[in-house]
Amino acid sequence: MSCPICGKDSAPKYRPFCSRRCADVDLGKWLTGGYAIPDDTPEALEEAADEADRQTRKPN
């Protein structure tokens, strides 16, 4: 089995990854939403627009 991040052979200790570094790269993708499946339903788009608006508004 090869590492899903870099393609090297996986190491038993970090399976399916080859190293701690690749495992951490994968974790970082999960934590930042890199593996999110986009949702293009009208409700989801409206919700995303509202969230973006809240984040860009300046506090009073």
PDB file of N, CA and C in Angstrom:
ATOM      1  N   MET A   1       0.853  -1.174   0.000  1.00  0.00           N
ATOM      2  CA  MET A   1       0.000   0.000   0.000  1.00  0.00           C
ATOM      3  C   MET A   1       0.900   1.237   0.000  1.00  0.00           C
ATOM      4  N   SER A   2       0.513   2.227  -0.780  1.00  0.00           N
ATOM      5  CA  SER A   2       1.310   3.449  -0.826  1.00  0.00           C
ATOM      6  C   SER A   2       0.627   4.568  -0.036  1.00  0.00           C
ATOM      7  N   CYS A   3       1.439   5.499   0.411  1.00  0.00           N
ATOM      8  CA  CYS A   3       0.973   6.643   1.198  1.00  0.00           C
ATOM      9  C   CYS A   3       0.046   7.503   0.333  1.00  0.00           C
ATOM     10  N   PRO A   4      -1.144   7.846   0.824  1.00  0.00           N
ATOM     11  CA  PRO A   4      -2.064   8.657   0.028  1.00  0.00           C
ATOM     12  C   PRO A   4      -1.606  10.113  -0.154  1.00  0.00           C
ATOM     13  N   ILE A   5      -0.636  10.541   0.635  1.00  0.00           N
ATOM     14  CA  ILE A   5      -0.152  11.927   0.534  1.00  0.00           C
ATOM     15  C   ILE A   5       1.008  12.046  -0.458  1.00  0.00           C
ATOM     16  N   CYS A   6       2.043  11.186  -0.303  1.00  0.00           N
ATOM     17  CA  CYS A   6       3.236  11.342  -1.142  1.00  0.00           C
ATOM     18  C   CYS A   6       3.496  10.176  -2.081  1.00  0.00           C
ATOM     19  N   GLY A   7       2.820   9.038  -1.879  1.00  0.00           N
ATOM     20  CA  GLY A   7       2.985   7.904  -2.780  1.00  0.00           C
ATOM     21  C   GLY A   7       4.064   6.910  -2.389  1.00  0.00           C
ATOM     22  N   LYS A   8       4.850   7.202  -1.344  1.00  0.00           N
ATOM     23  CA  LYS A   8       5.867   6.251  -0.889  1.00  0.00           C
ATOM     24  C   LYS A   8       5.191   5.051  -0.239  1.00  0.00           C
ATOM     25  N   ASP A   9       5.972   3.992  -0.001  1.00  0.00           N
ATOM     26  CA  ASP A   9       5.441   2.821   0.700  1.00  0.00           C
ATOM     27  C   ASP A   9       5.007   3.225   2.101  1.00  0.00           C
ATOM     28  N   SER A  10       3.881   2.684   2.551  1.00  0.00           N
ATOM     29  CA  SER A  10       3.406   3.026   3.891  1.00  0.00           C
ATOM     30  C   SER A  10       4.235   2.305   4.951  1.00  0.00           C
ATOM     31  N   ALA A  11       4.314   2.914   6.110  1.00  0.00           N
ATOM     32  CA  ALA A  11       5.036   2.342   7.251  1.00  0.00           C
ATOM     33  C   ALA A  11       4.017   1.763   8.225  1.00  0.00           C
ATOM     34  N   PRO A  12       4.278   0.568   8.765  1.00  0.00           N
ATOM     35  CA  PRO A  12       3.317  -0.051   9.685  1.00  0.00           C
ATOM     36  C   PRO A  12       2.915   0.868  10.845  1.00  0.00           C
ATOM     37  N   LYS A  13       3.854   1.636  11.353  1.00  0.00           N
ATOM     38  CA  LYS A  13       3.571   2.508  12.500  1.00  0.00           C
ATOM     39  C   LYS A  13       2.583   3.628  12.154  1.00  0.00           C
ATOM     40  N   TYR A  14       2.595   4.090  10.910  1.00  0.00           N
ATOM     41  CA  TYR A  14       1.766   5.239  10.505  1.00  0.00           C
ATOM     42  C   TYR A  14       0.730   4.872   9.449  1.00  0.00           C
ATOM     43  N   ARG A  15       0.495   3.609   9.253  1.00  0.00           N
ATOM     44  CA  ARG A  15      -0.389   3.128   8.199  1.00  0.00           C
ATOM     45  C   ARG A  15      -1.700   3.890   8.149  1.00  0.00           C
ATOM     46  N   PRO A  16      -2.173   4.345   7.058  1.00  0.00           N
ATOM     47  CA  PRO A  16      -1.740   4.092   5.691  1.00  0.00           C
ATOM     48  C   PRO A  16      -0.663   5.059   5.196  1.00  0.00           C
ATOM     49  N   PHE A  17      -0.127   5.869   6.078  1.00  0.00           N
ATOM     50  CA  PHE A  17       0.868   6.865   5.679  1.00  0.00           C
ATOM     51  C   PHE A  17       2.275   6.306   5.804  1.00  0.00           C
ATOM     52  N   CYS A  18       3.249   7.027   5.235  1.00  0.00           N
ATOM     53  CA  CYS A  18       4.636   6.583   5.299  1.00  0.00           C
ATOM     54  C   CYS A  18       5.378   7.168   6.499  1.00  0.00           C
ATOM     55  N   SER A  19       4.850   8.262   7.048  1.00  0.00           N
ATOM     56  CA  SER A  19       5.547   8.950   8.133  1.00  0.00           C
ATOM     57  C   SER A  19       4.577   9.794   8.946  1.00  0.00           C
ATOM     58  N   ARG A  20       5.073  10.280  10.045  1.00  0.00           N
ATOM     59  CA  ARG A  20       4.283  11.180  10.895  1.00  0.00           C
ATOM     60  C   ARG A  20       3.944  12.460  10.134  1.00  0.00           C
ATOM     61  N   ARG A  21       4.888  12.924   9.324  1.00  0.00           N
ATOM     62  CA  ARG A  21       4.676  14.147   8.560  1.00  0.00           C
ATOM     63  C   ARG A  21       3.460  14.014   7.639  1.00  0.00           C
ATOM     64  N   CYS A  22       3.399  12.930   6.884  1.00  0.00           N
ATOM     65  CA  CYS A  22       2.264  12.740   5.970  1.00  0.00           C
ATOM     66  C   CYS A  22       0.961  12.564   6.741  1.00  0.00           C
ATOM     67  N   ALA A  23       1.020  11.891   7.884  1.00  0.00           N
ATOM     68  CA  ALA A  23      -0.179  11.759   8.715  1.00  0.00           C
ATOM     69  C   ALA A  23      -0.648  13.139   9.183  1.00  0.00           C
ATOM     70  N   ASP A  24       0.298  13.996   9.553  1.00  0.00           N
ATOM     71  CA  ASP A  24      -0.049  15.345  10.005  1.00  0.00           C
ATOM     72  C   ASP A  24      -0.587  16.207   8.858  1.00  0.00           C
ATOM     73  N   VAL A  25      -0.037  16.033   7.662  1.00  0.00           N
ATOM     74  CA  VAL A  25      -0.545  16.755   6.490  1.00  0.00           C
ATOM     75  C   VAL A  25      -2.003  16.373   6.263  1.00  0.00           C
ATOM     76  N   ASP A  26      -2.305  15.082   6.345  1.00  0.00           N
ATOM     77  CA  ASP A  26      -3.672  14.609   6.163  1.00  0.00           C
ATOM     78  C   ASP A  26      -4.593  15.172   7.242  1.00  0.00           C
ATOM     79  N   LEU A  27      -4.155  15.160   8.487  1.00  0.00           N
ATOM     80  CA  LEU A  27      -4.950  15.714   9.582  1.00  0.00           C
ATOM     81  C   LEU A  27      -5.225  17.190   9.341  1.00  0.00           C
ATOM     82  N   GLY A  28      -4.218  17.920   8.886  1.00  0.00           N
ATOM     83  CA  GLY A  28      -4.399  19.332   8.590  1.00  0.00           C
ATOM     84  C   GLY A  28      -5.461  19.561   7.522  1.00  0.00           C
ATOM     85  N   LYS A  29      -5.495  18.684   6.519  1.00  0.00           N
ATOM     86  CA  LYS A  29      -6.529  18.804   5.478  1.00  0.00           C
ATOM     87  C   LYS A  29      -7.913  18.591   6.067  1.00  0.00           C
ATOM     88  N   TRP A  30      -8.049  17.622   6.960  1.00  0.00           N
ATOM     89  CA  TRP A  30      -9.348  17.384   7.604  1.00  0.00           C
ATOM     90  C   TRP A  30      -9.760  18.584   8.444  1.00  0.00           C
ATOM     91  N   LEU A  31      -8.822  19.115   9.223  1.00  0.00           N
ATOM     92  CA  LEU A  31      -9.153  20.201  10.145  1.00  0.00           C
ATOM     93  C   LEU A  31      -9.482  21.507   9.443  1.00  0.00           C
ATOM     94  N   THR A  32      -8.929  21.718   8.265  1.00  0.00           N
ATOM     95  CA  THR A  32      -9.197  22.968   7.544  1.00  0.00           C
ATOM     96  C   THR A  32     -10.295  22.819   6.503  1.00  0.00           C
ATOM     97  N   GLY A  33     -10.939  21.662   6.442  1.00  0.00           N
ATOM     98  CA  GLY A  33     -12.026  21.460   5.503  1.00  0.00           C
ATOM     99  C   GLY A  33     -11.586  21.099   4.108  1.00  0.00           C
ATOM    100  N   GLY A  34     -10.342  20.665   3.963  1.00  0.00           N
ATOM    101  CA  GLY A  34      -9.829  20.308   2.650  1.00  0.00           C
ATOM    102  C   GLY A  34     -10.504  19.104   2.028  1.00  0.00           C
ATOM    103  N   TYR A  35     -11.150  18.297   2.829  1.00  0.00           N
ATOM    104  CA  TYR A  35     -11.835  17.119   2.316  1.00  0.00           C
ATOM    105  C   TYR A  35     -13.350  17.298   2.299  1.00  0.00           C
ATOM    106  N   ALA A  36     -13.824  18.507   2.444  1.00  0.00           N
ATOM    107  CA  ALA A  36     -15.264  18.762   2.459  1.00  0.00           C
ATOM    108  C   ALA A  36     -15.868  18.514   1.081  1.00  0.00           C
ATOM    109  N   ILE A  37     -17.058  17.976   1.070  1.00  0.00           N
ATOM    110  CA  ILE A  37     -17.785  17.764  -0.168  1.00  0.00           C
ATOM    111  C   ILE A  37     -18.674  18.983  -0.377  1.00  0.00           C
ATOM    112  N   PRO A  38     -18.496  19.684  -1.503  1.00  0.00           N
ATOM    113  CA  PRO A  38     -19.292  20.887  -1.726  1.00  0.00           C
ATOM    114  C   PRO A  38     -20.779  20.566  -1.851  1.00  0.00           C
ATOM    115  N   ASP A  39     -21.585  21.447  -1.317  1.00  0.00           N
ATOM    116  CA  ASP A  39     -23.029  21.299  -1.369  1.00  0.00           C
ATOM    117  C   ASP A  39     -23.575  22.513  -2.107  1.00  0.00           C
ATOM    118  N   ASP A  40     -24.231  22.268  -3.216  1.00  0.00           N
ATOM    119  CA  ASP A  40     -24.719  23.389  -4.018  1.00  0.00           C
ATOM    120  C   ASP A  40     -26.239  23.534  -3.988  1.00  0.00           C
ATOM    121  N   THR A  41     -26.869  23.028  -2.933  1.00  0.00           N
ATOM    122  CA  THR A  41     -28.306  23.243  -2.797  1.00  0.00           C
ATOM    123  C   THR A  41     -28.542  24.715  -2.471  1.00  0.00           C
ATOM    124  N   PRO A  42     -29.682  25.257  -2.844  1.00  0.00           N
ATOM    125  CA  PRO A  42     -29.952  26.681  -2.572  1.00  0.00           C
ATOM    126  C   PRO A  42     -29.823  27.038  -1.084  1.00  0.00           C
ATOM    127  N   GLU A  43     -30.261  26.148  -0.209  1.00  0.00           N
ATOM    128  CA  GLU A  43     -30.169  26.433   1.226  1.00  0.00           C
ATOM    129  C   GLU A  43     -28.718  26.520   1.676  1.00  0.00           C
ATOM    130  N   ALA A  44     -27.884  25.619   1.174  1.00  0.00           N
ATOM    131  CA  ALA A  44     -26.471  25.616   1.553  1.00  0.00           C
ATOM    132  C   ALA A  44     -25.768  26.860   1.023  1.00  0.00           C
ATOM    133  N   LEU A  45     -26.094  27.267  -0.193  1.00  0.00           N
ATOM    134  CA  LEU A  45     -25.481  28.464  -0.760  1.00  0.00           C
ATOM    135  C   LEU A  45     -25.873  29.710   0.026  1.00  0.00           C
ATOM    136  N   GLU A  46     -27.129  29.796   0.424  1.00  0.00           N
ATOM    137  CA  GLU A  46     -27.589  30.933   1.214  1.00  0.00           C
ATOM    138  C   GLU A  46     -26.902  30.949   2.580  1.00  0.00           C
ATOM    139  N   GLU A  47     -26.793  29.785   3.185  1.00  0.00           N
ATOM    140  CA  GLU A  47     -26.127  29.674   4.485  1.00  0.00           C
ATOM    141  C   GLU A  47     -24.663  30.086   4.376  1.00  0.00           C
ATOM    142  N   ALA A  48     -23.977  29.659   3.322  1.00  0.00           N
ATOM    143  CA  ALA A  48     -22.577  30.020   3.117  1.00  0.00           C
ATOM    144  C   ALA A  48     -22.429  31.520   2.894  1.00  0.00           C
ATOM    145  N   ALA A  49     -23.335  32.117   2.151  1.00  0.00           N
ATOM    146  CA  ALA A  49     -23.290  33.561   1.914  1.00  0.00           C
ATOM    147  C   ALA A  49     -23.503  34.329   3.211  1.00  0.00           C
ATOM    148  N   ASP A  50     -24.444  33.876   4.039  1.00  0.00           N
ATOM    149  CA  ASP A  50     -24.684  34.522   5.332  1.00  0.00           C
ATOM    150  C   ASP A  50     -23.450  34.427   6.226  1.00  0.00           C
ATOM    151  N   GLU A  51     -22.811  33.260   6.242  1.00  0.00           N
ATOM    152  CA  GLU A  51     -21.606  33.078   7.066  1.00  0.00           C
ATOM    153  C   GLU A  51     -20.480  33.971   6.561  1.00  0.00           C
ATOM    154  N   ALA A  52     -20.298  34.054   5.258  1.00  0.00           N
ATOM    155  CA  ALA A  52     -19.259  34.921   4.704  1.00  0.00           C
ATOM    156  C   ALA A  52     -19.527  36.374   5.045  1.00  0.00           C
ATOM    157  N   ASP A  53     -20.787  36.781   5.016  1.00  0.00           N
ATOM    158  CA  ASP A  53     -21.164  38.149   5.352  1.00  0.00           C
ATOM    159  C   ASP A  53     -20.845  38.443   6.813  1.00  0.00           C
ATOM    160  N   ARG A  54     -21.153  37.505   7.696  1.00  0.00           N
ATOM    161  CA  ARG A  54     -20.862  37.700   9.130  1.00  0.00           C
ATOM    162  C   ARG A  54     -19.375  37.820   9.377  1.00  0.00           C
ATOM    163  N   GLN A  55     -18.577  37.063   8.641  1.00  0.00           N
ATOM    164  CA  GLN A  55     -17.142  37.077   8.857  1.00  0.00           C
ATOM    165  C   GLN A  55     -16.484  38.346   8.296  1.00  0.00           C
ATOM    166  N   THR A  56     -17.105  38.947   7.291  1.00  0.00           N
ATOM    167  CA  THR A  56     -16.494  40.138   6.697  1.00  0.00           C
ATOM    168  C   THR A  56     -16.982  41.441   7.326  1.00  0.00           C
ATOM    169  N   ARG A  57     -18.076  41.382   8.087  1.00  0.00           N
ATOM    170  CA  ARG A  57     -18.562  42.591   8.755  1.00  0.00           C
ATOM    171  C   ARG A  57     -17.582  43.029   9.832  1.00  0.00           C
ATOM    172  N   LYS A  58     -17.383  44.301   9.898  1.00  0.00           N
ATOM    173  CA  LYS A  58     -16.499  44.849  10.928  1.00  0.00           C
ATOM    174  C   LYS A  58     -17.270  45.060  12.222  1.00  0.00           C
ATOM    175  N   PRO A  59     -16.657  44.731  13.369  1.00  0.00           N
ATOM    176  CA  PRO A  59     -17.339  44.956  14.635  1.00  0.00           C
ATOM    177  C   PRO A  59     -17.507  46.446  14.901  1.00  0.00           C
ATOM    178  N   ASN A  60     -18.585  46.796  15.568  1.00  0.00           N
ATOM    179  CA  ASN A  60     -18.857  48.220  15.880  1.00  0.00           C
ATOM    180  C   ASN A  60     -17.988  48.727  16.962  1.00  0.00           C
TER     181      ASN A  60
END
